[in-house]
């Protein structure tokens, strides 16, 4: 076991403190162990990473907006909707989302 002599303090409300104790008890660990485990799983964001994630979210929202517009058009113009054209648009949306997913998987910057 590591030499745990450093103390970390945090100000919390009595309700938060009680909730943390309850979660620790439910997990069968001490509150200290619970917090250590939670912090070990926590991912921090640099300003650059936050900016990239914000841009990626914006790009996904654009694709979603375009998909909603296509669905609205198809529902309004059912007789004029060409299945091939609709499918081509859907494939374009899919390619955009897959490109964004590859960027996320590769750890690269958003387009």
N, C-alpha and C. Protein backbone atom coordinates (compact mmCIF):
# COMPACT_ATOMS: atom_id res chain seq x y z
N UNK A 1 0.84 -1.18 0.00
CA UNK A 1 0.00 0.00 0.00
C UNK A 1 0.89 1.24 0.00
N UNK A 2 0.47 2.24 -0.75
CA UNK A 2 1.23 3.48 -0.85
C UNK A 2 1.19 4.23 0.48
N UNK A 3 2.19 5.05 0.69
CA UNK A 3 2.28 5.87 1.89
C UNK A 3 1.33 7.05 1.73
N UNK A 4 0.13 6.93 2.28
CA UNK A 4 -0.89 7.97 2.12
C UNK A 4 -0.88 8.89 3.33
N UNK A 5 -0.01 9.89 3.25
CA UNK A 5 0.09 10.83 4.37
C UNK A 5 -0.37 12.23 4.00
N UNK A 6 -0.52 12.49 2.71
CA UNK A 6 -0.98 13.82 2.27
C UNK A 6 -2.50 13.89 2.43
N UNK A 7 -2.97 15.04 2.89
CA UNK A 7 -4.40 15.23 3.11
C UNK A 7 -4.92 16.23 2.09
N UNK A 8 -6.04 15.90 1.45
CA UNK A 8 -6.70 16.79 0.50
C UNK A 8 -8.01 17.22 1.13
N UNK A 9 -8.27 18.52 1.13
CA UNK A 9 -9.51 19.03 1.73
C UNK A 9 -10.38 19.64 0.64
N UNK A 10 -11.68 19.46 0.81
CA UNK A 10 -12.64 20.06 -0.12
C UNK A 10 -13.83 20.54 0.70
N UNK A 11 -14.35 21.69 0.36
CA UNK A 11 -15.53 22.20 1.04
C UNK A 11 -16.77 21.69 0.30
N UNK A 12 -17.64 21.04 1.04
CA UNK A 12 -18.87 20.51 0.47
C UNK A 12 -20.01 20.84 1.43
N UNK A 13 -21.23 20.75 0.91
CA UNK A 13 -22.39 20.97 1.77
C UNK A 13 -22.60 19.72 2.63
N UNK A 14 -23.32 19.83 3.72
CA UNK A 14 -23.62 18.63 4.51
C UNK A 14 -24.34 17.56 3.67
N UNK A 15 -25.21 17.97 2.76
CA UNK A 15 -25.91 17.00 1.91
C UNK A 15 -24.94 16.28 0.97
N UNK A 16 -23.99 17.03 0.41
CA UNK A 16 -22.99 16.40 -0.47
C UNK A 16 -22.14 15.42 0.34
N UNK A 17 -21.75 15.84 1.53
CA UNK A 17 -20.93 14.98 2.39
C UNK A 17 -21.67 13.68 2.71
N UNK A 18 -22.94 13.80 3.04
CA UNK A 18 -23.75 12.61 3.34
C UNK A 18 -23.89 11.72 2.10
N UNK A 19 -24.08 12.33 0.95
CA UNK A 19 -24.21 11.56 -0.30
C UNK A 19 -22.92 10.81 -0.60
N UNK A 20 -21.78 11.44 -0.39
CA UNK A 20 -20.49 10.79 -0.63
C UNK A 20 -20.31 9.61 0.33
N UNK A 21 -20.66 9.82 1.60
CA UNK A 21 -20.54 8.73 2.58
C UNK A 21 -21.45 7.56 2.19
N UNK A 22 -22.68 7.88 1.75
CA UNK A 22 -23.63 6.84 1.34
C UNK A 22 -23.11 6.07 0.12
N UNK A 23 -22.56 6.79 -0.85
CA UNK A 23 -22.02 6.12 -2.05
C UNK A 23 -20.86 5.22 -1.68
N UNK A 24 -20.00 5.70 -0.80
CA UNK A 24 -18.85 4.90 -0.37
C UNK A 24 -19.34 3.64 0.34
N UNK A 25 -20.32 3.80 1.22
CA UNK A 25 -20.85 2.64 1.95
C UNK A 25 -21.48 1.64 0.98
N UNK A 26 -22.23 2.14 0.01
CA UNK A 26 -22.86 1.26 -0.97
C UNK A 26 -21.82 0.50 -1.80
N UNK A 27 -20.68 1.15 -2.04
CA UNK A 27 -19.61 0.51 -2.81
C UNK A 27 -18.72 -0.37 -1.94
N UNK A 28 -18.90 -0.27 -0.62
CA UNK A 28 -18.10 -1.07 0.29
C UNK A 28 -16.68 -0.57 0.44
N UNK A 29 -16.49 0.73 0.26
CA UNK A 29 -15.16 1.33 0.40
C UNK A 29 -15.27 2.55 1.32
N UNK A 30 -14.12 3.05 1.73
CA UNK A 30 -14.11 4.27 2.54
C UNK A 30 -14.37 5.47 1.63
N UNK A 31 -14.82 6.59 2.19
CA UNK A 31 -14.97 7.80 1.37
C UNK A 31 -13.67 8.19 0.68
N UNK A 32 -12.54 8.02 1.36
CA UNK A 32 -11.24 8.34 0.75
C UNK A 32 -10.97 7.47 -0.47
N UNK A 33 -11.25 6.17 -0.33
CA UNK A 33 -11.03 5.25 -1.46
C UNK A 33 -11.96 5.59 -2.61
N UNK A 34 -13.19 5.92 -2.28
CA UNK A 34 -14.16 6.30 -3.32
C UNK A 34 -13.65 7.52 -4.11
N UNK A 35 -13.19 8.53 -3.39
CA UNK A 35 -12.70 9.74 -4.06
C UNK A 35 -11.43 9.45 -4.87
N UNK A 36 -10.53 8.63 -4.34
CA UNK A 36 -9.32 8.28 -5.09
C UNK A 36 -9.69 7.57 -6.39
N UNK A 37 -10.63 6.62 -6.31
CA UNK A 37 -11.05 5.88 -7.51
C UNK A 37 -11.73 6.82 -8.51
N UNK A 38 -12.57 7.71 -8.01
CA UNK A 38 -13.26 8.65 -8.91
C UNK A 38 -12.25 9.57 -9.59
N UNK A 39 -11.30 10.07 -8.84
CA UNK A 39 -10.30 10.98 -9.43
C UNK A 39 -9.39 10.24 -10.42
N UNK A 40 -9.14 8.97 -10.18
CA UNK A 40 -8.31 8.21 -11.11
C UNK A 40 -9.00 8.04 -12.46
N UNK A 41 -10.35 8.05 -12.45
CA UNK A 41 -11.10 7.90 -13.71
C UNK A 41 -11.43 9.23 -14.35
N UNK A 42 -11.13 10.33 -13.70
CA UNK A 42 -11.50 11.65 -14.21
C UNK A 42 -10.54 12.10 -15.29
N UNK A 43 -11.11 12.54 -16.41
CA UNK A 43 -10.31 13.08 -17.51
C UNK A 43 -10.38 14.60 -17.44
N UNK A 44 -9.25 15.24 -17.40
CA UNK A 44 -9.24 16.70 -17.39
C UNK A 44 -9.04 17.20 -18.81
N UNK A 45 -9.54 18.38 -19.08
CA UNK A 45 -9.48 18.96 -20.41
C UNK A 45 -8.56 20.16 -20.41
N UNK A 46 -7.70 20.20 -21.41
CA UNK A 46 -6.92 21.41 -21.61
C UNK A 46 -7.80 22.38 -22.38
N UNK A 47 -7.42 23.63 -22.42
CA UNK A 47 -8.20 24.62 -23.16
C UNK A 47 -8.30 24.21 -24.63
N UNK A 48 -7.22 23.68 -25.20
CA UNK A 48 -7.23 23.27 -26.60
C UNK A 48 -8.19 22.10 -26.82
N UNK A 49 -8.17 21.11 -25.92
CA UNK A 49 -9.06 19.96 -26.06
C UNK A 49 -10.51 20.39 -25.91
N UNK A 50 -10.78 21.31 -25.02
CA UNK A 50 -12.15 21.81 -24.83
C UNK A 50 -12.62 22.49 -26.10
N UNK A 51 -11.74 23.24 -26.72
CA UNK A 51 -12.08 23.94 -27.96
C UNK A 51 -12.37 22.95 -29.09
N UNK A 52 -11.57 21.90 -29.19
CA UNK A 52 -11.77 20.88 -30.21
C UNK A 52 -13.10 20.18 -29.98
N UNK A 53 -13.40 19.83 -28.73
CA UNK A 53 -14.66 19.15 -28.43
C UNK A 53 -15.85 20.05 -28.72
N UNK A 54 -15.73 21.32 -28.43
CA UNK A 54 -16.81 22.28 -28.72
C UNK A 54 -17.06 22.35 -30.22
N UNK A 55 -16.00 22.37 -31.02
CA UNK A 55 -16.14 22.41 -32.48
C UNK A 55 -16.75 21.12 -33.00
N UNK A 56 -16.32 19.98 -32.44
CA UNK A 56 -16.87 18.69 -32.86
C UNK A 56 -18.37 18.64 -32.56
N UNK A 57 -18.76 19.12 -31.41
CA UNK A 57 -20.18 19.14 -31.04
C UNK A 57 -20.96 20.03 -31.99
N UNK A 58 -20.37 21.16 -32.36
CA UNK A 58 -21.02 22.07 -33.32
C UNK A 58 -21.21 21.39 -34.67
N UNK A 59 -20.19 20.66 -35.12
CA UNK A 59 -20.28 19.95 -36.40
C UNK A 59 -21.37 18.88 -36.36
N UNK A 60 -21.45 18.14 -35.26
CA UNK A 60 -22.48 17.11 -35.14
C UNK A 60 -23.86 17.75 -35.13
N UNK A 61 -24.00 18.89 -34.47
CA UNK A 61 -25.29 19.60 -34.46
C UNK A 61 -25.67 20.03 -35.87
N UNK A 62 -24.71 20.47 -36.67
CA UNK A 62 -24.99 20.84 -38.06
C UNK A 62 -25.55 19.66 -38.85
N UNK A 63 -24.90 18.51 -38.69
CA UNK A 63 -25.36 17.31 -39.39
C UNK A 63 -26.79 16.98 -38.95
N UNK A 64 -27.04 17.06 -37.64
CA UNK A 64 -28.38 16.80 -37.13
C UNK A 64 -29.41 17.77 -37.68
N UNK A 65 -29.04 19.05 -37.77
CA UNK A 65 -29.95 20.05 -38.35
C UNK A 65 -30.26 19.73 -39.80
N UNK A 66 -29.24 19.35 -40.56
CA UNK A 66 -29.46 19.00 -41.96
C UNK A 66 -30.35 17.76 -42.09
N UNK A 67 -30.14 16.80 -41.20
CA UNK A 67 -30.97 15.60 -41.21
C UNK A 67 -32.43 15.96 -40.91
N UNK A 68 -32.66 16.84 -39.96
CA UNK A 68 -34.02 17.28 -39.64
C UNK A 68 -34.66 17.99 -40.83
N UNK A 69 -33.89 18.82 -41.53
CA UNK A 69 -34.42 19.52 -42.70
C UNK A 69 -34.79 18.53 -43.80
N UNK A 70 -33.95 17.52 -44.00
CA UNK A 70 -34.25 16.50 -45.00
C UNK A 70 -35.52 15.74 -44.63
N UNK A 71 -35.64 15.36 -43.37
CA UNK A 71 -36.84 14.64 -42.92
C UNK A 71 -38.09 15.49 -43.10
N UNK A 72 -37.99 16.77 -42.77
CA UNK A 72 -39.14 17.67 -42.93
C UNK A 72 -39.52 17.77 -44.41
N UNK A 73 -38.53 17.91 -45.30
CA UNK A 73 -38.80 18.02 -46.73
C UNK A 73 -39.46 16.74 -47.24
N UNK A 74 -38.93 15.58 -46.84
CA UNK A 74 -39.48 14.30 -47.30
C UNK A 74 -40.93 14.16 -46.82
N UNK A 75 -41.19 14.53 -45.58
CA UNK A 75 -42.56 14.40 -45.04
C UNK A 75 -43.52 15.38 -45.71
N UNK A 76 -43.03 16.53 -46.13
CA UNK A 76 -43.88 17.53 -46.79
C UNK A 76 -44.13 17.17 -48.25
N UNK A 77 -43.11 16.66 -48.92
CA UNK A 77 -43.19 16.39 -50.36
C UNK A 77 -43.06 14.89 -50.64
N UNK A 78 -43.88 14.10 -49.98
CA UNK A 78 -43.77 12.64 -50.09
C UNK A 78 -43.84 12.14 -51.52
N UNK A 79 -44.69 12.74 -52.32
CA UNK A 79 -44.83 12.25 -53.69
C UNK A 79 -43.65 12.66 -54.55
N UNK A 80 -43.03 13.79 -54.25
CA UNK A 80 -41.91 14.27 -55.05
C UNK A 80 -40.57 13.73 -54.54
N UNK A 81 -40.57 13.14 -53.36
CA UNK A 81 -39.32 12.68 -52.78
C UNK A 81 -38.77 11.50 -53.59
N UNK A 82 -37.60 11.68 -54.11
CA UNK A 82 -36.91 10.63 -54.86
C UNK A 82 -36.10 9.82 -53.87
N UNK A 83 -36.41 8.56 -53.76
CA UNK A 83 -35.73 7.70 -52.79
C UNK A 83 -34.22 7.73 -52.97
N UNK A 84 -33.77 7.72 -54.22
CA UNK A 84 -32.32 7.71 -54.49
C UNK A 84 -31.67 8.99 -53.96
N UNK A 85 -32.32 10.14 -54.16
CA UNK A 85 -31.77 11.41 -53.69
C UNK A 85 -31.74 11.46 -52.17
N UNK A 86 -32.82 10.99 -51.55
CA UNK A 86 -32.89 10.97 -50.09
C UNK A 86 -31.80 10.07 -49.53
N UNK A 87 -31.63 8.89 -50.11
CA UNK A 87 -30.60 7.96 -49.65
C UNK A 87 -29.21 8.57 -49.84
N UNK A 88 -28.99 9.28 -50.95
CA UNK A 88 -27.70 9.93 -51.19
C UNK A 88 -27.41 10.96 -50.10
N UNK A 89 -28.42 11.72 -49.71
CA UNK A 89 -28.24 12.70 -48.63
C UNK A 89 -27.95 12.00 -47.30
N UNK A 90 -28.67 10.93 -47.04
CA UNK A 90 -28.44 10.19 -45.79
C UNK A 90 -27.02 9.61 -45.76
N UNK A 91 -26.55 9.13 -46.88
CA UNK A 91 -25.18 8.60 -46.96
C UNK A 91 -24.17 9.72 -46.72
N UNK A 92 -24.46 10.90 -47.21
CA UNK A 92 -23.59 12.05 -46.98
C UNK A 92 -23.51 12.38 -45.49
N UNK A 93 -24.67 12.34 -44.82
CA UNK A 93 -24.70 12.60 -43.38
C UNK A 93 -23.88 11.53 -42.65
N UNK A 94 -24.04 10.28 -43.08
CA UNK A 94 -23.31 9.19 -42.45
C UNK A 94 -21.80 9.39 -42.61
N UNK A 95 -21.37 9.77 -43.82
CA UNK A 95 -19.94 10.01 -44.05
C UNK A 95 -19.42 11.13 -43.15
N UNK A 96 -20.21 12.18 -42.99
CA UNK A 96 -19.80 13.29 -42.13
C UNK A 96 -19.63 12.83 -40.68
N UNK A 97 -20.59 12.05 -40.21
CA UNK A 97 -20.50 11.57 -38.83
C UNK A 97 -19.34 10.59 -38.64
N UNK A 98 -19.12 9.73 -39.63
CA UNK A 98 -17.99 8.79 -39.55
C UNK A 98 -16.66 9.54 -39.55
N UNK A 99 -16.57 10.62 -40.34
CA UNK A 99 -15.35 11.42 -40.35
C UNK A 99 -15.11 12.05 -38.98
N UNK A 100 -16.18 12.54 -38.37
CA UNK A 100 -16.04 13.12 -37.02
C UNK A 100 -15.65 12.05 -36.01
N UNK A 101 -16.17 10.84 -36.16
CA UNK A 101 -15.83 9.75 -35.25
C UNK A 101 -14.37 9.35 -35.42
N UNK A 102 -13.88 9.33 -36.67
CA UNK A 102 -12.47 8.99 -36.92
C UNK A 102 -11.57 10.04 -36.29
N UNK A 103 -11.94 11.28 -36.40
CA UNK A 103 -11.15 12.35 -35.80
C UNK A 103 -11.08 12.14 -34.29
N UNK A 104 -12.20 11.79 -33.69
CA UNK A 104 -12.24 11.55 -32.24
C UNK A 104 -11.36 10.36 -31.89
N UNK A 105 -11.44 9.27 -32.66
CA UNK A 105 -10.68 8.06 -32.38
C UNK A 105 -9.18 8.29 -32.57
N UNK A 106 -8.84 9.09 -33.57
CA UNK A 106 -7.43 9.36 -33.86
C UNK A 106 -6.83 10.42 -32.93
N UNK A 107 -7.71 11.13 -32.23
CA UNK A 107 -7.23 12.19 -31.36
C UNK A 107 -6.84 13.45 -32.11
N UNK A 108 -7.29 13.56 -33.35
CA UNK A 108 -6.94 14.71 -34.15
C UNK A 108 -7.84 15.88 -33.89
N UNK A 109 -7.62 16.95 -34.61
CA UNK A 109 -8.44 18.15 -34.48
C UNK A 109 -9.72 18.00 -35.27
N UNK A 110 -10.75 18.71 -34.84
CA UNK A 110 -12.01 18.72 -35.57
C UNK A 110 -11.83 19.50 -36.86
N UNK A 111 -12.65 19.16 -37.89
CA UNK A 111 -12.52 19.85 -39.18
C UNK A 111 -12.91 21.31 -39.07
